[in-house]
Structure formats: structure tokens, C-alpha cells
């Protein structure tokens, strides 16, 4: 099922909204925002002790683009901000402001 929520993280961070857990990147793949890691990068990740094949839950050395996708309860995509540069990420304050604006 694609819309699995991540209650442990929601509880740990004290979030007041659910977040999507996407084992195997199934949902991100449907959005077209998943990329396969280059074999040389896979070896670098392995050297750092990062095993995406195991962590992704369904195998594979894939990652979604870093960013933010806000989706309402009806499955409509309300906001997207994605980056090809992994160092560029949406600011949490901006995400919270968008969420507050969308719930008014």
C-alpha cells in the first residue's frame, strides 16, 4: 500500500500531522522523482556503511530527489519543491508556513 504513515517518527518529533513512509520508493516512483545511483556511488555508500538496498525495504539502490511534496487527504498534490542538488532542501519553517496556509 502506498500511503503508509510513519507514526514512530511523528511521535518522536511531536508532529501534529502525518508523514508518508515510502518503503521501496513506490510513491516517489509514481511521482517520477526517483533516480538510480551510479554503481561507483553505490560502492561509496557501502564504504560508509549505508545499505540502501536493505533500507529501502524492497531492494534497489534508488533515492528520491530531496525536497518536499505536500499532498492532501484526497491525494491531490498541493505543493512541490524538489532539487537535484542534495544539499538544497526546503526549510522546515517554510514547510510549516505552507501547511498552515493550506489548512485555513
PDB file of N, CA and C in Angstrom:
ATOM      1  N   UNK A   1       0.839  -1.180   0.000  1.00  0.00           N
ATOM      2  CA  UNK A   1       0.000   0.000   0.000  1.00  0.00           C
ATOM      3  C   UNK A   1       0.879   1.237   0.000  1.00  0.00           C
ATOM      4  N   UNK A   2       0.556   2.222  -0.795  1.00  0.00           N
ATOM      5  CA  UNK A   2       1.417   3.377  -0.964  1.00  0.00           C
ATOM      6  C   UNK A   2       1.330   4.384   0.169  1.00  0.00           C
ATOM      7  N   UNK A   3       0.190   4.531   0.783  1.00  0.00           N
ATOM      8  CA  UNK A   3       0.042   5.595   1.769  1.00  0.00           C
ATOM      9  C   UNK A   3       0.219   5.092   3.195  1.00  0.00           C
ATOM     10  N   UNK A   4       1.410   4.614   3.495  1.00  0.00           N
ATOM     11  CA  UNK A   4       1.726   4.185   4.850  1.00  0.00           C
ATOM     12  C   UNK A   4       2.287   5.388   5.609  1.00  0.00           C
ATOM     13  N   UNK A   5       1.768   5.622   6.790  1.00  0.00           N
ATOM     14  CA  UNK A   5       2.267   6.728   7.595  1.00  0.00           C
ATOM     15  C   UNK A   5       3.350   6.232   8.529  1.00  0.00           C
ATOM     16  N   UNK A   6       4.158   7.124   9.001  1.00  0.00           N
ATOM     17  CA  UNK A   6       5.301   6.796   9.847  1.00  0.00           C
ATOM     18  C   UNK A   6       5.060   7.271  11.270  1.00  0.00           C
ATOM     19  N   UNK A   7       4.171   6.601  12.040  1.00  0.00           N
ATOM     20  CA  UNK A   7       3.853   7.082  13.382  1.00  0.00           C
ATOM     21  C   UNK A   7       5.042   7.168  14.332  1.00  0.00           C
ATOM     22  N   UNK A   8       6.046   6.256  14.278  1.00  0.00           N
ATOM     23  CA  UNK A   8       7.156   6.411  15.224  1.00  0.00           C
ATOM     24  C   UNK A   8       7.872   7.756  15.064  1.00  0.00           C
ATOM     25  N   UNK A   9       8.105   8.184  13.834  1.00  0.00           N
ATOM     26  CA  UNK A   9       8.776   9.461  13.601  1.00  0.00           C
ATOM     27  C   UNK A   9       7.868  10.627  13.977  1.00  0.00           C
ATOM     28  N   UNK A  10       6.588  10.514  13.669  1.00  0.00           N
ATOM     29  CA  UNK A  10       5.626  11.548  14.039  1.00  0.00           C
ATOM     30  C   UNK A  10       5.634  11.721  15.551  1.00  0.00           C
ATOM     31  N   UNK A  11       5.599  10.606  16.285  1.00  0.00           N
ATOM     32  CA  UNK A  11       5.615  10.659  17.753  1.00  0.00           C
ATOM     33  C   UNK A  11       6.933  11.191  18.287  1.00  0.00           C
ATOM     34  N   UNK A  12       8.033  10.717  17.722  1.00  0.00           N
ATOM     35  CA  UNK A  12       9.367  11.122  18.191  1.00  0.00           C
ATOM     36  C   UNK A  12       9.565  12.627  18.058  1.00  0.00           C
ATOM     37  N   UNK A  13       9.113  13.182  16.935  1.00  0.00           N
ATOM     38  CA  UNK A  13       9.301  14.608  16.682  1.00  0.00           C
ATOM     39  C   UNK A  13       8.152  15.467  17.190  1.00  0.00           C
ATOM     40  N   UNK A  14       7.105  14.835  17.717  1.00  0.00           N
ATOM     41  CA  UNK A  14       5.968  15.581  18.226  1.00  0.00           C
ATOM     42  C   UNK A  14       5.196  16.306  17.130  1.00  0.00           C
ATOM     43  N   UNK A  15       5.173  15.722  15.928  1.00  0.00           N
ATOM     44  CA  UNK A  15       4.485  16.361  14.806  1.00  0.00           C
ATOM     45  C   UNK A  15       2.978  16.288  14.998  1.00  0.00           C
ATOM     46  N   UNK A  16       2.294  17.276  14.484  1.00  0.00           N
ATOM     47  CA  UNK A  16       0.833  17.322  14.589  1.00  0.00           C
ATOM     48  C   UNK A  16       0.172  16.937  13.270  1.00  0.00           C
ATOM     49  N   UNK A  17       0.946  16.332  12.379  1.00  0.00           N
ATOM     50  CA  UNK A  17       0.427  15.909  11.081  1.00  0.00           C
ATOM     51  C   UNK A  17       1.138  14.619  10.700  1.00  0.00           C
ATOM     52  N   UNK A  18       0.499  13.775   9.904  1.00  0.00           N
ATOM     53  CA  UNK A  18       1.147  12.518   9.491  1.00  0.00           C
ATOM     54  C   UNK A  18       2.160  12.770   8.381  1.00  0.00           C
ATOM     55  N   UNK A  19       3.131  11.912   8.314  1.00  0.00           N
ATOM     56  CA  UNK A  19       4.088  11.950   7.208  1.00  0.00           C
ATOM     57  C   UNK A  19       4.060  10.590   6.515  1.00  0.00           C
ATOM     58  N   UNK A  20       4.411  10.596   5.265  1.00  0.00           N
ATOM     59  CA  UNK A  20       4.364   9.385   4.465  1.00  0.00           C
ATOM     60  C   UNK A  20       5.666   8.609   4.597  1.00  0.00           C
ATOM     61  N   UNK A  21       5.544   7.325   4.820  1.00  0.00           N
ATOM     62  CA  UNK A  21       6.681   6.427   4.759  1.00  0.00           C
ATOM     63  C   UNK A  21       6.553   5.690   3.428  1.00  0.00           C
ATOM     64  N   UNK A  22       7.625   5.625   2.678  1.00  0.00           N
ATOM     65  CA  UNK A  22       7.545   5.096   1.319  1.00  0.00           C
ATOM     66  C   UNK A  22       8.584   3.998   1.073  1.00  0.00           C
ATOM     67  N   UNK A  23       8.440   2.838   1.773  1.00  0.00           N
ATOM     68  CA  UNK A  23       9.393   1.751   1.538  1.00  0.00           C
ATOM     69  C   UNK A  23       9.429   1.361   0.067  1.00  0.00           C
ATOM     70  N   UNK A  24      10.626   1.221  -0.446  1.00  0.00           N
ATOM     71  CA  UNK A  24      10.781   0.847  -1.844  1.00  0.00           C
ATOM     72  C   UNK A  24      10.574   2.000  -2.809  1.00  0.00           C
ATOM     73  N   UNK A  25      10.339   3.193  -2.294  1.00  0.00           N
ATOM     74  CA  UNK A  25      10.147   4.390  -3.124  1.00  0.00           C
ATOM     75  C   UNK A  25       9.003   4.247  -4.125  1.00  0.00           C
ATOM     76  N   UNK A  26       7.988   3.467  -3.786  1.00  0.00           N
ATOM     77  CA  UNK A  26       6.887   3.242  -4.717  1.00  0.00           C
ATOM     78  C   UNK A  26       6.145   4.529  -5.054  1.00  0.00           C
ATOM     79  N   UNK A  27       5.830   5.312  -4.036  1.00  0.00           N
ATOM     80  CA  UNK A  27       5.084   6.546  -4.277  1.00  0.00           C
ATOM     81  C   UNK A  27       5.951   7.573  -5.006  1.00  0.00           C
ATOM     82  N   UNK A  28       7.193   7.718  -4.557  1.00  0.00           N
ATOM     83  CA  UNK A  28       8.108   8.652  -5.220  1.00  0.00           C
ATOM     84  C   UNK A  28       8.318   8.263  -6.678  1.00  0.00           C
ATOM     85  N   UNK A  29       8.355   6.968  -6.945  1.00  0.00           N
ATOM     86  CA  UNK A  29       8.498   6.496  -8.321  1.00  0.00           C
ATOM     87  C   UNK A  29       7.282   6.895  -9.151  1.00  0.00           C
ATOM     88  N   UNK A  30       6.077   6.788  -8.579  1.00  0.00           N
ATOM     89  CA  UNK A  30       4.873   7.215  -9.296  1.00  0.00           C
ATOM     90  C   UNK A  30       4.917   8.706  -9.620  1.00  0.00           C
ATOM     91  N   UNK A  31       5.546   9.481  -8.734  1.00  0.00           N
ATOM     92  CA  UNK A  31       5.675  10.919  -8.978  1.00  0.00           C
ATOM     93  C   UNK A  31       6.800  11.233  -9.963  1.00  0.00           C
ATOM     94  N   UNK A  32       7.624  10.231 -10.280  1.00  0.00           N
ATOM     95  CA  UNK A  32       8.714  10.434 -11.231  1.00  0.00           C
ATOM     96  C   UNK A  32       9.912  11.146 -10.635  1.00  0.00           C
ATOM     97  N   UNK A  33      10.138  10.974  -9.330  1.00  0.00           N
ATOM     98  CA  UNK A  33      11.223  11.704  -8.680  1.00  0.00           C
ATOM     99  C   UNK A  33      12.282  10.773  -8.084  1.00  0.00           C
ATOM    100  N   UNK A  34      12.359   9.538  -8.590  1.00  0.00           N
ATOM    101  CA  UNK A  34      13.334   8.567  -8.099  1.00  0.00           C
ATOM    102  C   UNK A  34      14.452   8.425  -9.131  1.00  0.00           C
ATOM    103  N   UNK A  35      15.680   8.287  -8.621  1.00  0.00           N
ATOM    104  CA  UNK A  35      16.796   8.042  -9.533  1.00  0.00           C
ATOM    105  C   UNK A  35      17.625   6.877  -9.003  1.00  0.00           C
ATOM    106  N   UNK A  36      18.245   6.160  -9.924  1.00  0.00           N
ATOM    107  CA  UNK A  36      19.135   5.054  -9.577  1.00  0.00           C
ATOM    108  C   UNK A  36      20.532   5.593  -9.338  1.00  0.00           C
ATOM    109  N   UNK A  37      21.162   5.106  -8.291  1.00  0.00           N
ATOM    110  CA  UNK A  37      22.523   5.535  -8.007  1.00  0.00           C
ATOM    111  C   UNK A  37      23.494   4.884  -8.980  1.00  0.00           C
ATOM    112  N   UNK A  38      24.463   5.654  -9.395  1.00  0.00           N
ATOM    113  CA  UNK A  38      25.541   5.173 -10.242  1.00  0.00           C
ATOM    114  C   UNK A  38      26.308   4.086  -9.481  1.00  0.00           C
ATOM    115  N   UNK A  39      26.746   3.009 -10.160  1.00  0.00           N
ATOM    116  CA  UNK A  39      27.466   1.924  -9.467  1.00  0.00           C
ATOM    117  C   UNK A  39      28.666   2.407  -8.641  1.00  0.00           C
ATOM    118  N   UNK A  40      29.368   3.431  -9.114  1.00  0.00           N
ATOM    119  CA  UNK A  40      30.501   3.953  -8.341  1.00  0.00           C
ATOM    120  C   UNK A  40      30.019   4.587  -7.039  1.00  0.00           C
ATOM    121  N   UNK A  41      28.877   5.260  -7.084  1.00  0.00           N
ATOM    122  CA  UNK A  41      28.318   5.877  -5.886  1.00  0.00           C
ATOM    123  C   UNK A  41      27.806   4.807  -4.916  1.00  0.00           C
ATOM    124  N   UNK A  42      27.278   3.715  -5.460  1.00  0.00           N
ATOM    125  CA  UNK A  42      26.841   2.599  -4.617  1.00  0.00           C
ATOM    126  C   UNK A  42      28.016   2.111  -3.776  1.00  0.00           C
ATOM    127  N   UNK A  43      29.175   1.957  -4.394  1.00  0.00           N
ATOM    128  CA  UNK A  43      30.361   1.486  -3.665  1.00  0.00           C
ATOM    129  C   UNK A  43      30.784   2.482  -2.586  1.00  0.00           C
ATOM    130  N   UNK A  44      30.664   3.772  -2.881  1.00  0.00           N
ATOM    131  CA  UNK A  44      30.993   4.791  -1.883  1.00  0.00           C
ATOM    132  C   UNK A  44      30.034   4.691  -0.700  1.00  0.00           C
ATOM    133  N   UNK A  45      28.733   4.579  -0.981  1.00  0.00           N
ATOM    134  CA  UNK A  45      27.736   4.435   0.084  1.00  0.00           C
ATOM    135  C   UNK A  45      28.038   3.202   0.930  1.00  0.00           C
ATOM    136  N   UNK A  46      28.344   2.083   0.272  1.00  0.00           N
ATOM    137  CA  UNK A  46      28.663   0.851   1.002  1.00  0.00           C
ATOM    138  C   UNK A  46      29.871   1.060   1.916  1.00  0.00           C
ATOM    139  N   UNK A  47      30.857   1.816   1.428  1.00  0.00           N
ATOM    140  CA  UNK A  47      32.039   2.118   2.223  1.00  0.00           C
ATOM    141  C   UNK A  47      31.708   2.939   3.463  1.00  0.00           C
ATOM    142  N   UNK A  48      30.652   3.707   3.395  1.00  0.00           N
ATOM    143  CA  UNK A  48      30.191   4.497   4.549  1.00  0.00           C
ATOM    144  C   UNK A  48      29.253   3.701   5.443  1.00  0.00           C
ATOM    145  N   UNK A  49      28.994   2.441   5.065  1.00  0.00           N
ATOM    146  CA  UNK A  49      28.094   1.612   5.856  1.00  0.00           C
ATOM    147  C   UNK A  49      26.619   1.866   5.568  1.00  0.00           C
ATOM    148  N   UNK A  50      26.324   2.521   4.454  1.00  0.00           N
ATOM    149  CA  UNK A  50      24.941   2.804   4.066  1.00  0.00           C
ATOM    150  C   UNK A  50      24.487   1.731   3.090  1.00  0.00           C
ATOM    151  N   UNK A  51      23.442   1.001   3.460  1.00  0.00           N
ATOM    152  CA  UNK A  51      22.933  -0.079   2.622  1.00  0.00           C
ATOM    153  C   UNK A  51      21.515   0.269   2.166  1.00  0.00           C
ATOM    154  N   UNK A  52      21.406   1.041   1.110  1.00  0.00           N
ATOM    155  CA  UNK A  52      20.089   1.443   0.608  1.00  0.00           C
ATOM    156  C   UNK A  52      19.269   0.246   0.155  1.00  0.00           C
ATOM    157  N   UNK A  53      19.931  -0.767  -0.340  1.00  0.00           N
ATOM    158  CA  UNK A  53      19.223  -1.965  -0.790  1.00  0.00           C
ATOM    159  C   UNK A  53      18.391  -2.540   0.359  1.00  0.00           C
ATOM    160  N   UNK A  54      18.955  -2.587   1.548  1.00  0.00           N
ATOM    161  CA  UNK A  54      18.241  -3.093   2.724  1.00  0.00           C
ATOM    162  C   UNK A  54      17.283  -2.039   3.273  1.00  0.00           C
ATOM    163  N   UNK A  55      17.737  -0.802   3.363  1.00  0.00           N
ATOM    164  CA  UNK A  55      16.952   0.271   3.973  1.00  0.00           C
ATOM    165  C   UNK A  55      15.685   0.594   3.178  1.00  0.00           C
ATOM    166  N   UNK A  56      15.746   0.519   1.853  1.00  0.00           N
ATOM    167  CA  UNK A  56      14.591   0.864   1.026  1.00  0.00           C
ATOM    168  C   UNK A  56      13.423  -0.105   1.204  1.00  0.00           C
ATOM    169  N   UNK A  57      13.666  -1.254   1.768  1.00  0.00           N
ATOM    170  CA  UNK A  57      12.578  -2.163   2.073  1.00  0.00           C
ATOM    171  C   UNK A  57      12.166  -3.071   0.924  1.00  0.00           C
ATOM    172  N   UNK A  58      12.488  -2.723  -0.275  1.00  0.00           N
ATOM    173  CA  UNK A  58      12.123  -3.557  -1.414  1.00  0.00           C
ATOM    174  C   UNK A  58      13.327  -3.780  -2.320  1.00  0.00           C
ATOM    175  N   UNK A  59      14.484  -3.493  -1.797  1.00  0.00           N
ATOM    176  CA  UNK A  59      15.702  -3.661  -2.583  1.00  0.00           C
ATOM    177  C   UNK A  59      15.925  -2.502  -3.526  1.00  0.00           C
ATOM    178  N   UNK A  60      17.075  -2.457  -4.078  1.00  0.00           N
ATOM    179  CA  UNK A  60      17.404  -1.434  -5.061  1.00  0.00           C
ATOM    180  C   UNK A  60      18.205  -0.285  -4.481  1.00  0.00           C
ATOM    181  N   UNK A  61      19.015   0.253  -5.309  1.00  0.00           N
ATOM    182  CA  UNK A  61      19.846   1.388  -4.939  1.00  0.00           C
ATOM    183  C   UNK A  61      19.273   2.640  -5.591  1.00  0.00           C
ATOM    184  N   UNK A  62      18.165   3.074  -5.048  1.00  0.00           N
ATOM    185  CA  UNK A  62      17.465   4.254  -5.561  1.00  0.00           C
ATOM    186  C   UNK A  62      17.256   5.254  -4.437  1.00  0.00           C
ATOM    187  N   UNK A  63      17.148   6.512  -4.821  1.00  0.00           N
ATOM    188  CA  UNK A  63      16.797   7.574  -3.887  1.00  0.00           C
ATOM    189  C   UNK A  63      15.800   8.507  -4.564  1.00  0.00           C
ATOM    190  N   UNK A  64      14.894   9.063  -3.795  1.00  0.00           N
ATOM    191  CA  UNK A  64      14.046  10.114  -4.353  1.00  0.00           C
ATOM    192  C   UNK A  64      14.824  11.431  -4.339  1.00  0.00           C
ATOM    193  N   UNK A  65      14.436  12.348  -5.203  1.00  0.00           N
ATOM    194  CA  UNK A  65      15.038  13.674  -5.146  1.00  0.00           C
ATOM    195  C   UNK A  65      14.714  14.286  -3.788  1.00  0.00           C
ATOM    196  N   UNK A  66      15.671  14.994  -3.197  1.00  0.00           N
ATOM    197  CA  UNK A  66      15.370  15.644  -1.926  1.00  0.00           C
ATOM    198  C   UNK A  66      14.402  16.804  -2.141  1.00  0.00           C
ATOM    199  N   UNK A  67      13.526  16.985  -1.207  1.00  0.00           N
ATOM    200  CA  UNK A  67      12.597  18.098  -1.328  1.00  0.00           C
ATOM    201  C   UNK A  67      11.346  17.886  -0.515  1.00  0.00           C
ATOM    202  N   UNK A  68      10.281  18.519  -0.980  1.00  0.00           N
ATOM    203  CA  UNK A  68       9.010  18.494  -0.257  1.00  0.00           C
ATOM    204  C   UNK A  68       7.883  18.298  -1.256  1.00  0.00           C
ATOM    205  N   UNK A  69       6.958  17.406  -0.912  1.00  0.00           N
ATOM    206  CA  UNK A  69       5.730  17.225  -1.675  1.00  0.00           C
ATOM    207  C   UNK A  69       4.600  17.238  -0.657  1.00  0.00           C
ATOM    208  N   UNK A  70       3.710  18.208  -0.754  1.00  0.00           N
ATOM    209  CA  UNK A  70       2.558  18.280   0.139  1.00  0.00           C
ATOM    210  C   UNK A  70       1.345  17.753  -0.603  1.00  0.00           C
ATOM    211  N   UNK A  71       0.693  16.771   0.013  1.00  0.00           N
ATOM    212  CA  UNK A  71      -0.443  16.096  -0.609  1.00  0.00           C
ATOM    213  C   UNK A  71      -1.598  16.119   0.382  1.00  0.00           C
ATOM    214  N   UNK A  72      -2.794  16.467  -0.097  1.00  0.00           N
ATOM    215  CA  UNK A  72      -3.935  16.493   0.822  1.00  0.00           C
ATOM    216  C   UNK A  72      -4.514  15.100   1.005  1.00  0.00           C
ATOM    217  N   UNK A  73      -5.509  15.005   1.858  1.00  0.00           N
ATOM    218  CA  UNK A  73      -6.097  13.702   2.183  1.00  0.00           C
ATOM    219  C   UNK A  73      -6.785  13.050   0.997  1.00  0.00           C
ATOM    220  N   UNK A  74      -7.130  13.840  -0.016  1.00  0.00           N
ATOM    221  CA  UNK A  74      -7.766  13.302  -1.218  1.00  0.00           C
ATOM    222  C   UNK A  74      -6.753  12.876  -2.272  1.00  0.00           C
ATOM    223  N   UNK A  75      -5.449  13.018  -1.946  1.00  0.00           N
ATOM    224  CA  UNK A  75      -4.402  12.617  -2.869  1.00  0.00           C
ATOM    225  C   UNK A  75      -3.992  13.690  -3.861  1.00  0.00           C
ATOM    226  N   UNK A  76      -4.523  14.913  -3.689  1.00  0.00           N
ATOM    227  CA  UNK A  76      -4.127  16.000  -4.593  1.00  0.00           C
ATOM    228  C   UNK A  76      -2.780  16.569  -4.164  1.00  0.00           C
ATOM    229  N   UNK A  77      -1.896  16.755  -5.121  1.00  0.00           N
ATOM    230  CA  UNK A  77      -0.598  17.361  -4.845  1.00  0.00           C
ATOM    231  C   UNK A  77      -0.803  18.870  -4.761  1.00  0.00           C
ATOM    232  N   UNK A  78      -0.463  19.434  -3.603  1.00  0.00           N
ATOM    233  CA  UNK A  78      -0.696  20.856  -3.358  1.00  0.00           C
ATOM    234  C   UNK A  78       0.547  21.709  -3.538  1.00  0.00           C
ATOM    235  N   UNK A  79       1.711  21.107  -3.317  1.00  0.00           N
ATOM    236  CA  UNK A  79       2.949  21.881  -3.412  1.00  0.00           C
ATOM    237  C   UNK A  79       4.103  20.918  -3.640  1.00  0.00           C
ATOM    238  N   UNK A  80       5.032  21.317  -4.496  1.00  0.00           N
ATOM    239  CA  UNK A  80       6.213  20.501  -4.768  1.00  0.00           C
ATOM    240  C   UNK A  80       7.430  21.411  -4.814  1.00  0.00           C
ATOM    241  N   UNK A  81       8.465  21.003  -4.125  1.00  0.00           N
ATOM    242  CA  UNK A  81       9.772  21.648  -4.240  1.00  0.00           C
ATOM    243  C   UNK A  81      10.820  20.546  -4.196  1.00  0.00           C
ATOM    244  N   UNK A  82      11.468  20.298  -5.318  1.00  0.00           N
ATOM    245  CA  UNK A  82      12.462  19.235  -5.433  1.00  0.00           C
ATOM    246  C   UNK A  82      13.767  19.821  -5.964  1.00  0.00           C
ATOM    247  N   UNK A  83      14.870  19.181  -5.603  1.00  0.00           N
ATOM    248  CA  UNK A  83      16.188  19.656  -6.026  1.00  0.00           C
ATOM    249  C   UNK A  83      17.043  18.483  -6.489  1.00  0.00           C
ATOM    250  N   UNK A  84      17.808  18.691  -7.522  1.00  0.00           N
ATOM    251  CA  UNK A  84      18.760  17.662  -7.943  1.00  0.00           C
ATOM    252  C   UNK A  84      20.024  17.724  -7.094  1.00  0.00           C
ATOM    253  N   UNK A  85      20.256  18.839  -6.423  1.00  0.00           N
ATOM    254  CA  UNK A  85      21.406  19.004  -5.526  1.00  0.00           C
ATOM    255  C   UNK A  85      20.966  18.598  -4.122  1.00  0.00           C
ATOM    256  N   UNK A  86      21.545  17.520  -3.599  1.00  0.00           N
ATOM    257  CA  UNK A  86      21.115  17.006  -2.292  1.00  0.00           C
ATOM    258  C   UNK A  86      21.358  17.976  -1.138  1.00  0.00           C
ATOM    259  N   UNK A  87      22.172  19.004  -1.359  1.00  0.00           N
ATOM    260  CA  UNK A  87      22.417  19.971  -0.282  1.00  0.00           C
ATOM    261  C   UNK A  87      21.334  21.048  -0.225  1.00  0.00           C
ATOM    262  N   UNK A  88      20.486  21.113  -1.225  1.00  0.00           N
ATOM    263  CA  UNK A  88      19.396  22.087  -1.249  1.00  0.00           C
ATOM    264  C   UNK A  88      18.116  21.412  -0.763  1.00  0.00           C
ATOM    265  N   UNK A  89      17.628  21.857   0.367  1.00  0.00           N
ATOM    266  CA  UNK A  89      16.418  21.272   0.957  1.00  0.00           C
ATOM    267  C   UNK A  89      15.490  22.397   1.384  1.00  0.00           C
ATOM    268  N   UNK A  90      14.181  22.158   1.307  1.00  0.00           N
ATOM    269  CA  UNK A  90      13.246  23.175   1.785  1.00  0.00           C
ATOM    270  C   UNK A  90      13.428  23.407   3.290  1.00  0.00           C
ATOM    271  N   UNK A  91      13.312  24.641   3.689  1.00  0.00           N
ATOM    272  CA  UNK A  91      13.415  24.966   5.106  1.00  0.00           C
ATOM    273  C   UNK A  91      12.169  24.484   5.840  1.00  0.00           C
ATOM    274  N   UNK A  92      12.328  23.856   6.998  1.00  0.00           N
ATOM    275  CA  UNK A  92      11.160  23.406   7.766  1.00  0.00           C
ATOM    276  C   UNK A  92      10.176  24.539   8.083  1.00  0.00           C
ATOM    277  N   UNK A  93      10.687  25.716   8.343  1.00  0.00           N
ATOM    278  CA  UNK A  93       9.808  26.861   8.649  1.00  0.00           C
ATOM    279  C   UNK A  93       8.909  27.169   7.452  1.00  0.00           C
ATOM    280  N   UNK A  94       9.455  27.090   6.245  1.00  0.00           N
ATOM    281  CA  UNK A  94       8.659  27.316   5.038  1.00  0.00           C
ATOM    282  C   UNK A  94       7.594  26.237   4.883  1.00  0.00           C
ATOM    283  N   UNK A  95       7.965  24.993   5.174  1.00  0.00           N
ATOM    284  CA  UNK A  95       7.003  23.891   5.072  1.00  0.00           C
ATOM    285  C   UNK A  95       5.864  24.093   6.059  1.00  0.00           C
ATOM    286  N   UNK A  96       6.182  24.447   7.292  1.00  0.00           N
ATOM    287  CA  UNK A  96       5.143  24.681   8.294  1.00  0.00           C
ATOM    288  C   UNK A  96       4.235  25.836   7.888  1.00  0.00           C
ATOM    289  N   UNK A  97       4.815  26.897   7.336  1.00  0.00           N
ATOM    290  CA  UNK A  97       4.007  28.040   6.882  1.00  0.00           C
ATOM    291  C   UNK A  97       3.058  27.614   5.760  1.00  0.00           C
ATOM    292  N   UNK A  98       3.549  26.796   4.831  1.00  0.00           N
ATOM    293  CA  UNK A  98       2.691  26.292   3.750  1.00  0.00           C
ATOM    294  C   UNK A  98       1.564  25.428   4.308  1.00  0.00           C
ATOM    295  N   UNK A  99       1.886  24.555   5.247  1.00  0.00           N
ATOM    296  CA  UNK A  99       0.872  23.706   5.848  1.00  0.00           C
ATOM    297  C   UNK A  99      -0.206  24.542   6.558  1.00  0.00           C
ATOM    298  N   UNK A 100       0.246  25.550   7.290  1.00  0.00           N
ATOM    299  CA  UNK A 100      -0.726  26.414   7.978  1.00  0.00           C
ATOM    300  C   UNK A 100      -1.600  27.155   6.997  1.00  0.00           C
ATOM    301  N   UNK A 101      -1.021  27.643   5.918  1.00  0.00           N
ATOM    302  CA  UNK A 101      -1.796  28.370   4.903  1.00  0.00           C
ATOM    303  C   UNK A 101      -2.801  27.454   4.216  1.00  0.00           C
ATOM    304  N   UNK A 102      -2.407  26.207   3.992  1.00  0.00           N
ATOM    305  CA  UNK A 102      -3.266  25.264   3.302  1.00  0.00           C
ATOM    306  C   UNK A 102      -4.427  24.766   4.174  1.00  0.00           C
ATOM    307  N   UNK A 103      -4.265  24.841   5.472  1.00  0.00           N
ATOM    308  CA  UNK A 103      -5.311  24.348   6.372  1.00  0.00           C
ATOM    309  C   UNK A 103      -6.287  25.440   6.783  1.00  0.00           C
ATOM    310  N   UNK A 104      -6.088  26.629   6.303  1.00  0.00           N
ATOM    311  CA  UNK A 104      -7.019  27.742   6.636  1.00  0.00           C
ATOM    312  C   UNK A 104      -8.216  27.717   5.763  1.00  0.00           C
TER     313      UNK A 104
END
